[in-house]
Amino acid sequence: MRNYRKKLIIWLFENSQHFYVTYFKRNHTAWKVSKQELLNYTKESFGYHLGLFLKKNNFELIPKIERHDCYHVLTGYGTQVEDEIALQYLCYGNGKRSLYLSGVVLLGTILLPEYMPYYLKSYRIGKSANAFYQFDYSTLLHTDIGILRASTFVNLIYN
């Protein structure tokens, strides 16, 4: 039964993406940087680690919502359905507010309640972290990832 609920959430993610970009991100500018360009950054840089994340998951940056993949890289959260929902809880704890985020949190909680301890832990991590949800990540691509993580998650030991 859980697999059906996860498949429903995946379907909702995939089918809401175009709507989200079109109506919620229409004023955002796409970065116009490729995965290969990111992989040419220095190995310590945030941009290089973003490139590795994209390569590992066989992704390309989605224009106008590049920040989402940056959240994954900064926080270390995976791309499984429960990780995507937990990442939204983390962002909510960090102060991010949007209709889309609220919808993901609500549907994720209703459809996958067995992950609630993980979601709540993620919320608490976001709450204790320095604000990161509003960063202009395109300007941080050359920043040392270790320094960026350490300054964001000051009170947490981070791998």
N, C-alpha and C. Protein backbone atom coordinates (compact mmCIF):
# COMPACT_ATOMS: atom_id res chain seq x y z
N MET A 1 0.82 -1.20 0.00
CA MET A 1 0.00 0.00 0.00
C MET A 1 0.87 1.27 0.00
N ARG A 2 2.00 1.22 0.76
CA ARG A 2 2.87 2.39 0.84
C ARG A 2 3.42 2.76 -0.54
N ASN A 3 3.74 1.74 -1.35
CA ASN A 3 4.27 2.03 -2.69
C ASN A 3 3.26 2.79 -3.55
N TYR A 4 1.98 2.49 -3.41
CA TYR A 4 0.96 3.21 -4.16
C TYR A 4 0.88 4.66 -3.71
N ARG A 5 1.01 4.87 -2.41
CA ARG A 5 0.97 6.24 -1.89
C ARG A 5 2.19 7.03 -2.36
N LYS A 6 3.34 6.37 -2.38
CA LYS A 6 4.56 7.03 -2.87
C LYS A 6 4.44 7.35 -4.36
N LYS A 7 3.89 6.40 -5.12
CA LYS A 7 3.72 6.63 -6.55
C LYS A 7 2.77 7.79 -6.82
N LEU A 8 1.74 7.92 -5.99
CA LEU A 8 0.81 9.05 -6.12
C LEU A 8 1.55 10.37 -5.88
N ILE A 9 2.37 10.41 -4.86
CA ILE A 9 3.12 11.63 -4.56
C ILE A 9 4.09 11.95 -5.69
N ILE A 10 4.78 10.94 -6.21
CA ILE A 10 5.70 11.16 -7.35
C ILE A 10 4.93 11.73 -8.53
N TRP A 11 3.78 11.15 -8.82
CA TRP A 11 2.95 11.64 -9.92
C TRP A 11 2.56 13.09 -9.69
N LEU A 12 2.18 13.43 -8.45
CA LEU A 12 1.80 14.80 -8.14
C LEU A 12 2.99 15.75 -8.31
N PHE A 13 4.18 15.34 -7.85
CA PHE A 13 5.38 16.16 -8.04
C PHE A 13 5.62 16.42 -9.52
N GLU A 14 5.63 15.34 -10.28
CA GLU A 14 5.94 15.45 -11.71
C GLU A 14 4.92 16.29 -12.46
N ASN A 15 3.67 16.17 -12.10
CA ASN A 15 2.62 16.87 -12.83
C ASN A 15 2.33 18.27 -12.31
N SER A 16 2.90 18.63 -11.19
CA SER A 16 2.71 19.99 -10.68
C SER A 16 3.91 20.88 -11.00
N GLN A 17 5.00 20.29 -11.44
CA GLN A 17 6.24 21.03 -11.69
C GLN A 17 6.06 22.15 -12.72
N HIS A 18 5.47 21.84 -13.86
CA HIS A 18 5.28 22.85 -14.90
C HIS A 18 4.38 23.98 -14.38
N PHE A 19 3.31 23.63 -13.71
CA PHE A 19 2.39 24.62 -13.14
C PHE A 19 3.13 25.51 -12.14
N TYR A 20 3.94 24.90 -11.27
CA TYR A 20 4.70 25.63 -10.26
C TYR A 20 5.65 26.63 -10.90
N VAL A 21 6.41 26.18 -11.90
CA VAL A 21 7.37 27.07 -12.57
C VAL A 21 6.63 28.18 -13.31
N THR A 22 5.55 27.84 -13.99
CA THR A 22 4.81 28.80 -14.81
C THR A 22 4.13 29.87 -13.96
N TYR A 23 3.51 29.49 -12.87
CA TYR A 23 2.69 30.44 -12.12
C TYR A 23 3.36 30.99 -10.85
N PHE A 24 4.27 30.23 -10.26
CA PHE A 24 4.88 30.69 -9.02
C PHE A 24 6.29 31.23 -9.21
N LYS A 25 6.95 30.86 -10.29
CA LYS A 25 8.34 31.26 -10.50
C LYS A 25 8.51 32.06 -11.80
N ARG A 26 7.46 32.63 -12.31
CA ARG A 26 7.53 33.32 -13.60
C ARG A 26 8.47 34.52 -13.58
N ASN A 27 8.71 35.11 -12.43
CA ASN A 27 9.60 36.28 -12.35
C ASN A 27 11.04 35.89 -12.04
N HIS A 28 11.31 34.62 -11.87
CA HIS A 28 12.67 34.16 -11.59
C HIS A 28 13.44 34.00 -12.89
N THR A 29 14.75 34.17 -12.80
CA THR A 29 15.63 34.02 -13.96
C THR A 29 16.36 32.69 -13.86
N ALA A 30 16.36 31.95 -14.94
CA ALA A 30 17.09 30.67 -14.96
C ALA A 30 18.59 30.95 -14.92
N TRP A 31 19.34 30.05 -14.31
CA TRP A 31 20.78 30.23 -14.14
C TRP A 31 21.57 30.05 -15.42
N LYS A 32 21.11 29.19 -16.29
CA LYS A 32 21.81 28.89 -17.55
C LYS A 32 23.22 28.35 -17.29
N VAL A 33 23.30 27.38 -16.41
CA VAL A 33 24.56 26.69 -16.13
C VAL A 33 24.30 25.20 -16.26
N SER A 34 25.21 24.50 -16.88
CA SER A 34 25.02 23.07 -17.11
C SER A 34 25.67 22.24 -16.00
N LYS A 35 25.27 21.02 -15.95
CA LYS A 35 25.87 20.06 -15.01
C LYS A 35 27.38 19.97 -15.26
N GLN A 36 27.77 19.91 -16.51
CA GLN A 36 29.20 19.80 -16.84
C GLN A 36 29.97 21.03 -16.38
N GLU A 37 29.39 22.20 -16.53
CA GLU A 37 30.06 23.42 -16.06
C GLU A 37 30.25 23.37 -14.55
N LEU A 38 29.25 22.87 -13.84
CA LEU A 38 29.36 22.76 -12.38
C LEU A 38 30.47 21.79 -12.00
N LEU A 39 30.59 20.71 -12.75
CA LEU A 39 31.63 19.72 -12.46
C LEU A 39 33.04 20.23 -12.74
N ASN A 40 33.16 21.37 -13.39
CA ASN A 40 34.46 21.99 -13.64
C ASN A 40 34.88 22.94 -12.51
N TYR A 41 33.98 23.19 -11.54
CA TYR A 41 34.33 24.01 -10.39
C TYR A 41 35.34 23.24 -9.53
N THR A 42 35.98 23.94 -8.59
CA THR A 42 36.93 23.26 -7.70
C THR A 42 36.19 22.22 -6.87
N LYS A 43 36.89 21.17 -6.52
CA LYS A 43 36.28 20.03 -5.82
C LYS A 43 35.70 20.39 -4.45
N GLU A 44 36.15 21.47 -3.84
CA GLU A 44 35.61 21.88 -2.53
C GLU A 44 34.38 22.77 -2.67
N SER A 45 34.09 23.21 -3.87
CA SER A 45 33.05 24.21 -4.06
C SER A 45 31.64 23.62 -3.99
N PHE A 46 30.73 24.48 -3.61
CA PHE A 46 29.31 24.12 -3.59
C PHE A 46 28.85 23.75 -5.00
N GLY A 47 29.31 24.51 -6.00
CA GLY A 47 28.92 24.24 -7.39
C GLY A 47 29.33 22.86 -7.85
N TYR A 48 30.54 22.44 -7.50
CA TYR A 48 31.02 21.11 -7.87
C TYR A 48 30.14 20.04 -7.23
N HIS A 49 29.82 20.22 -5.96
CA HIS A 49 28.98 19.24 -5.26
C HIS A 49 27.56 19.22 -5.82
N LEU A 50 27.09 20.37 -6.28
CA LEU A 50 25.79 20.41 -6.96
C LEU A 50 25.88 19.60 -8.26
N GLY A 51 26.97 19.76 -9.00
CA GLY A 51 27.17 18.98 -10.21
C GLY A 51 27.21 17.49 -9.94
N LEU A 52 27.89 17.10 -8.86
CA LEU A 52 27.95 15.68 -8.48
C LEU A 52 26.56 15.14 -8.15
N PHE A 53 25.79 15.93 -7.41
CA PHE A 53 24.42 15.54 -7.06
C PHE A 53 23.59 15.31 -8.33
N LEU A 54 23.70 16.22 -9.26
CA LEU A 54 22.95 16.10 -10.52
C LEU A 54 23.40 14.87 -11.29
N LYS A 55 24.71 14.66 -11.36
CA LYS A 55 25.25 13.51 -12.09
C LYS A 55 24.81 12.20 -11.43
N LYS A 56 24.95 12.11 -10.13
CA LYS A 56 24.58 10.89 -9.39
C LYS A 56 23.12 10.52 -9.61
N ASN A 57 22.25 11.52 -9.67
CA ASN A 57 20.82 11.28 -9.80
C ASN A 57 20.32 11.37 -11.25
N ASN A 58 21.26 11.57 -12.17
CA ASN A 58 20.92 11.71 -13.58
C ASN A 58 19.90 12.84 -13.80
N PHE A 59 20.16 13.98 -13.15
CA PHE A 59 19.30 15.17 -13.24
C PHE A 59 20.00 16.26 -14.02
N GLU A 60 19.23 17.21 -14.46
CA GLU A 60 19.71 18.51 -14.93
C GLU A 60 19.01 19.54 -14.05
N LEU A 61 19.61 20.70 -13.93
CA LEU A 61 18.93 21.75 -13.18
C LEU A 61 17.64 22.13 -13.88
N ILE A 62 16.59 22.31 -13.12
CA ILE A 62 15.31 22.73 -13.69
C ILE A 62 15.29 24.25 -13.67
N PRO A 63 15.19 24.87 -14.85
CA PRO A 63 15.23 26.33 -14.91
C PRO A 63 14.20 26.97 -13.98
N LYS A 64 14.66 27.97 -13.27
CA LYS A 64 13.90 28.80 -12.35
C LYS A 64 13.67 28.18 -10.97
N ILE A 65 13.94 26.87 -10.83
CA ILE A 65 13.82 26.26 -9.50
C ILE A 65 15.10 25.51 -9.14
N GLU A 66 16.22 26.06 -9.57
CA GLU A 66 17.52 25.46 -9.29
C GLU A 66 17.77 25.36 -7.78
N ARG A 67 17.21 26.29 -7.04
CA ARG A 67 17.42 26.35 -5.59
C ARG A 67 17.04 25.04 -4.90
N HIS A 68 16.05 24.35 -5.41
CA HIS A 68 15.61 23.12 -4.77
C HIS A 68 16.75 22.09 -4.70
N ASP A 69 17.45 21.91 -5.80
CA ASP A 69 18.57 20.97 -5.79
C ASP A 69 19.69 21.46 -4.87
N CYS A 70 19.82 22.75 -4.74
CA CYS A 70 20.81 23.31 -3.82
C CYS A 70 20.46 22.93 -2.38
N TYR A 71 19.19 22.93 -2.04
CA TYR A 71 18.77 22.49 -0.70
C TYR A 71 19.24 21.05 -0.45
N HIS A 72 19.07 20.20 -1.45
CA HIS A 72 19.51 18.81 -1.31
C HIS A 72 21.01 18.75 -1.02
N VAL A 73 21.79 19.49 -1.78
CA VAL A 73 23.24 19.45 -1.64
C VAL A 73 23.67 20.02 -0.29
N LEU A 74 23.10 21.14 0.10
CA LEU A 74 23.47 21.76 1.37
C LEU A 74 23.12 20.87 2.56
N THR A 75 21.95 20.26 2.52
CA THR A 75 21.45 19.50 3.67
C THR A 75 21.82 18.03 3.66
N GLY A 76 22.15 17.50 2.47
CA GLY A 76 22.46 16.08 2.36
C GLY A 76 21.24 15.19 2.24
N TYR A 77 20.06 15.76 2.07
CA TYR A 77 18.85 14.96 1.93
C TYR A 77 18.81 14.30 0.56
N GLY A 78 18.29 13.07 0.52
CA GLY A 78 18.19 12.30 -0.71
C GLY A 78 16.98 12.71 -1.53
N THR A 79 16.69 11.89 -2.52
CA THR A 79 15.60 12.20 -3.45
C THR A 79 14.44 11.21 -3.38
N GLN A 80 14.46 10.33 -2.40
CA GLN A 80 13.31 9.45 -2.21
C GLN A 80 12.12 10.29 -1.77
N VAL A 81 10.92 9.81 -1.98
CA VAL A 81 9.71 10.57 -1.67
C VAL A 81 9.73 11.08 -0.23
N GLU A 82 10.06 10.21 0.70
CA GLU A 82 10.05 10.62 2.11
C GLU A 82 11.12 11.67 2.40
N ASP A 83 12.25 11.62 1.65
CA ASP A 83 13.30 12.62 1.81
C ASP A 83 12.85 13.97 1.26
N GLU A 84 12.15 13.94 0.14
CA GLU A 84 11.64 15.19 -0.44
C GLU A 84 10.67 15.88 0.53
N ILE A 85 9.82 15.09 1.15
CA ILE A 85 8.86 15.66 2.10
C ILE A 85 9.60 16.15 3.35
N ALA A 86 10.54 15.37 3.84
CA ALA A 86 11.33 15.78 5.01
C ALA A 86 12.11 17.06 4.71
N LEU A 87 12.60 17.20 3.49
CA LEU A 87 13.31 18.42 3.10
C LEU A 87 12.38 19.63 3.17
N GLN A 88 11.13 19.45 2.80
CA GLN A 88 10.17 20.54 2.90
C GLN A 88 9.88 20.89 4.36
N TYR A 89 9.82 19.88 5.21
CA TYR A 89 9.68 20.14 6.65
C TYR A 89 10.88 20.93 7.17
N LEU A 90 12.07 20.56 6.72
CA LEU A 90 13.28 21.26 7.13
C LEU A 90 13.21 22.72 6.70
N CYS A 91 12.81 22.95 5.45
CA CYS A 91 12.68 24.32 4.94
C CYS A 91 11.61 25.10 5.71
N TYR A 92 10.52 24.43 6.04
CA TYR A 92 9.47 25.09 6.82
C TYR A 92 10.02 25.48 8.20
N GLY A 93 10.74 24.59 8.83
CA GLY A 93 11.36 24.91 10.11
C GLY A 93 12.34 26.06 10.00
N ASN A 94 12.95 26.21 8.83
CA ASN A 94 13.93 27.26 8.61
C ASN A 94 13.29 28.60 8.28
N GLY A 95 11.97 28.60 8.11
CA GLY A 95 11.26 29.86 7.88
C GLY A 95 10.68 30.04 6.49
N LYS A 96 10.91 29.10 5.61
CA LYS A 96 10.36 29.23 4.26
C LYS A 96 8.85 29.01 4.30
N ARG A 97 8.15 29.86 3.57
CA ARG A 97 6.70 29.73 3.48
C ARG A 97 6.29 29.88 2.02
N SER A 98 5.55 28.92 1.53
CA SER A 98 4.98 29.01 0.19
C SER A 98 3.78 28.07 0.14
N LEU A 99 2.91 28.35 -0.79
CA LEU A 99 1.74 27.51 -0.98
C LEU A 99 2.16 26.10 -1.39
N TYR A 100 3.15 26.02 -2.28
CA TYR A 100 3.62 24.71 -2.75
C TYR A 100 4.20 23.90 -1.59
N LEU A 101 5.06 24.53 -0.79
CA LEU A 101 5.66 23.85 0.36
C LEU A 101 4.57 23.36 1.31
N SER A 102 3.60 24.20 1.57
CA SER A 102 2.50 23.81 2.48
C SER A 102 1.74 22.62 1.93
N GLY A 103 1.53 22.61 0.63
CA GLY A 103 0.83 21.48 0.00
C GLY A 103 1.62 20.19 0.12
N VAL A 104 2.94 20.26 -0.08
CA VAL A 104 3.79 19.07 0.03
C VAL A 104 3.76 18.55 1.46
N VAL A 105 3.90 19.45 2.43
CA VAL A 105 3.89 19.06 3.84
C VAL A 105 2.56 18.42 4.21
N LEU A 106 1.47 19.04 3.79
CA LEU A 106 0.14 18.52 4.12
C LEU A 106 -0.09 17.15 3.48
N LEU A 107 0.14 17.05 2.17
CA LEU A 107 -0.09 15.77 1.49
C LEU A 107 0.88 14.70 1.97
N GLY A 108 2.13 15.08 2.20
CA GLY A 108 3.11 14.11 2.69
C GLY A 108 2.73 13.56 4.05
N THR A 109 2.23 14.43 4.90
CA THR A 109 1.81 14.02 6.24
C THR A 109 0.60 13.08 6.17
N ILE A 110 -0.35 13.41 5.31
CA ILE A 110 -1.56 12.59 5.18
C ILE A 110 -1.26 11.25 4.52
N LEU A 111 -0.46 11.28 3.44
CA LEU A 111 -0.24 10.06 2.66
C LEU A 111 0.87 9.16 3.21
N LEU A 112 1.83 9.73 3.92
CA LEU A 112 2.93 8.93 4.47
C LEU A 112 3.16 9.26 5.95
N PRO A 113 2.14 9.06 6.78
CA PRO A 113 2.27 9.43 8.19
C PRO A 113 3.30 8.60 8.95
N GLU A 114 3.68 7.44 8.42
CA GLU A 114 4.65 6.59 9.11
C GLU A 114 6.04 7.24 9.18
N TYR A 115 6.27 8.30 8.39
CA TYR A 115 7.55 9.00 8.41
C TYR A 115 7.53 10.23 9.31
N MET A 116 6.48 10.39 10.09
CA MET A 116 6.34 11.58 10.93
C MET A 116 7.53 11.83 11.85
N PRO A 117 8.12 10.82 12.48
CA PRO A 117 9.32 11.10 13.30
C PRO A 117 10.45 11.72 12.47
N TYR A 118 10.65 11.24 11.26
CA TYR A 118 11.66 11.79 10.35
C TYR A 118 11.30 13.24 9.98
N TYR A 119 10.04 13.49 9.68
CA TYR A 119 9.61 14.83 9.32
C TYR A 119 9.82 15.81 10.48
N LEU A 120 9.46 15.38 11.68
CA LEU A 120 9.61 16.27 12.84
C LEU A 120 11.07 16.53 13.17
N LYS A 121 11.91 15.51 13.03
CA LYS A 121 13.35 15.71 13.23
C LYS A 121 13.88 16.72 12.21
N SER A 122 13.42 16.61 10.98
CA SER A 122 13.83 17.54 9.93
C SER A 122 13.37 18.95 10.24
N TYR A 123 12.16 19.09 10.71
CA TYR A 123 11.64 20.41 11.10
C TYR A 123 12.53 21.02 12.18
N ARG A 124 12.90 20.23 13.17
CA ARG A 124 13.74 20.74 14.27
C ARG A 124 15.13 21.13 13.77
N ILE A 125 15.67 20.37 12.84
CA ILE A 125 16.98 20.73 12.26
C ILE A 125 16.86 22.08 11.54
N GLY A 126 15.82 22.24 10.76
CA GLY A 126 15.60 23.51 10.06
C GLY A 126 15.44 24.67 11.01
N LYS A 127 14.74 24.41 12.11
CA LYS A 127 14.49 25.45 13.12
C LYS A 127 15.80 25.88 13.78
N SER A 128 16.70 24.93 14.03
CA SER A 128 17.94 25.25 14.73
C SER A 128 19.04 25.78 13.79
N ALA A 129 18.86 25.61 12.50
CA ALA A 129 19.87 26.07 11.54
C ALA A 129 19.75 27.58 11.29
N ASN A 130 20.84 28.18 10.88
CA ASN A 130 20.78 29.56 10.40
C ASN A 130 19.98 29.57 9.11
N ALA A 131 19.30 30.67 8.84
CA ALA A 131 18.44 30.76 7.65
C ALA A 131 19.24 30.48 6.39
N PHE A 132 18.75 29.57 5.59
CA PHE A 132 19.40 29.22 4.32
C PHE A 132 18.44 29.21 3.14
N TYR A 133 17.15 29.22 3.42
CA TYR A 133 16.17 29.02 2.36
C TYR A 133 16.12 30.19 1.38
N GLN A 134 16.58 31.36 1.79
CA GLN A 134 16.49 32.54 0.94
C GLN A 134 17.80 32.89 0.24
N PHE A 135 18.85 32.08 0.42
CA PHE A 135 20.14 32.36 -0.23
C PHE A 135 19.99 32.47 -1.74
N ASP A 136 20.81 33.32 -2.33
CA ASP A 136 20.95 33.35 -3.78
C ASP A 136 22.07 32.36 -4.10
N TYR A 137 21.71 31.11 -4.29
CA TYR A 137 22.70 30.05 -4.46
C TYR A 137 23.55 30.23 -5.70
N SER A 138 23.05 30.93 -6.69
CA SER A 138 23.86 31.14 -7.90
C SER A 138 25.12 31.94 -7.59
N THR A 139 25.10 32.72 -6.53
CA THR A 139 26.29 33.50 -6.14
C THR A 139 27.18 32.72 -5.18
N LEU A 140 26.74 31.54 -4.76
CA LEU A 140 27.50 30.75 -3.79
C LEU A 140 28.18 29.53 -4.41
N LEU A 141 28.11 29.40 -5.72
CA LEU A 141 28.62 28.21 -6.37
C LEU A 141 30.12 28.00 -6.16
N HIS A 142 30.87 29.08 -5.98
CA HIS A 142 32.32 28.97 -5.76
C HIS A 142 32.68 28.82 -4.28
N THR A 143 31.70 28.93 -3.41
CA THR A 143 31.93 28.87 -1.97
C THR A 143 32.29 27.45 -1.55
N ASP A 144 33.20 27.33 -0.61
CA ASP A 144 33.59 26.03 -0.06
C ASP A 144 32.37 25.41 0.62
N ILE A 145 32.02 24.20 0.22
CA ILE A 145 30.81 23.56 0.74
C ILE A 145 30.91 23.31 2.25
N GLY A 146 32.09 22.98 2.72
CA GLY A 146 32.27 22.74 4.15
C GLY A 146 32.00 23.99 4.96
N ILE A 147 32.48 25.11 4.49
CA ILE A 147 32.25 26.38 5.19
C ILE A 147 30.77 26.76 5.14
N LEU A 148 30.15 26.55 3.98
CA LEU A 148 28.73 26.87 3.83
C LEU A 148 27.88 26.02 4.78
N ARG A 149 28.17 24.73 4.83
CA ARG A 149 27.42 23.85 5.74
C ARG A 149 27.69 24.22 7.20
N ALA A 150 28.94 24.45 7.53
CA ALA A 150 29.29 24.76 8.93
C ALA A 150 28.63 26.06 9.39
N SER A 151 28.56 27.04 8.50
CA SER A 151 27.95 28.31 8.90
C SER A 151 26.43 28.24 8.94
N THR A 152 25.86 27.29 8.22
CA THR A 152 24.40 27.11 8.22
C THR A 152 23.95 26.25 9.39
N PHE A 153 24.68 25.17 9.62
CA PHE A 153 24.30 24.22 10.66
C PHE A 153 25.27 24.30 11.82
N VAL A 154 25.44 25.48 12.39
CA VAL A 154 26.40 25.76 13.44
C VAL A 154 26.24 24.82 14.64
N ASN A 155 25.02 24.54 15.01
CA ASN A 155 24.75 23.74 16.22
C ASN A 155 24.67 22.25 15.97
N LEU A 156 24.96 21.82 14.73
CA LEU A 156 24.83 20.42 14.39
C LEU A 156 26.16 19.88 13.86
N ILE A 157 26.43 18.63 14.14
CA ILE A 157 27.57 17.98 13.52
C ILE A 157 27.10 17.54 12.15
N TYR A 158 27.83 17.90 11.12
CA TYR A 158 27.39 17.63 9.75
C TYR A 158 28.46 16.85 9.00
N ASN A 159 28.04 15.81 8.31
CA ASN A 159 28.98 15.01 7.50
C ASN A 159 29.01 15.52 6.09
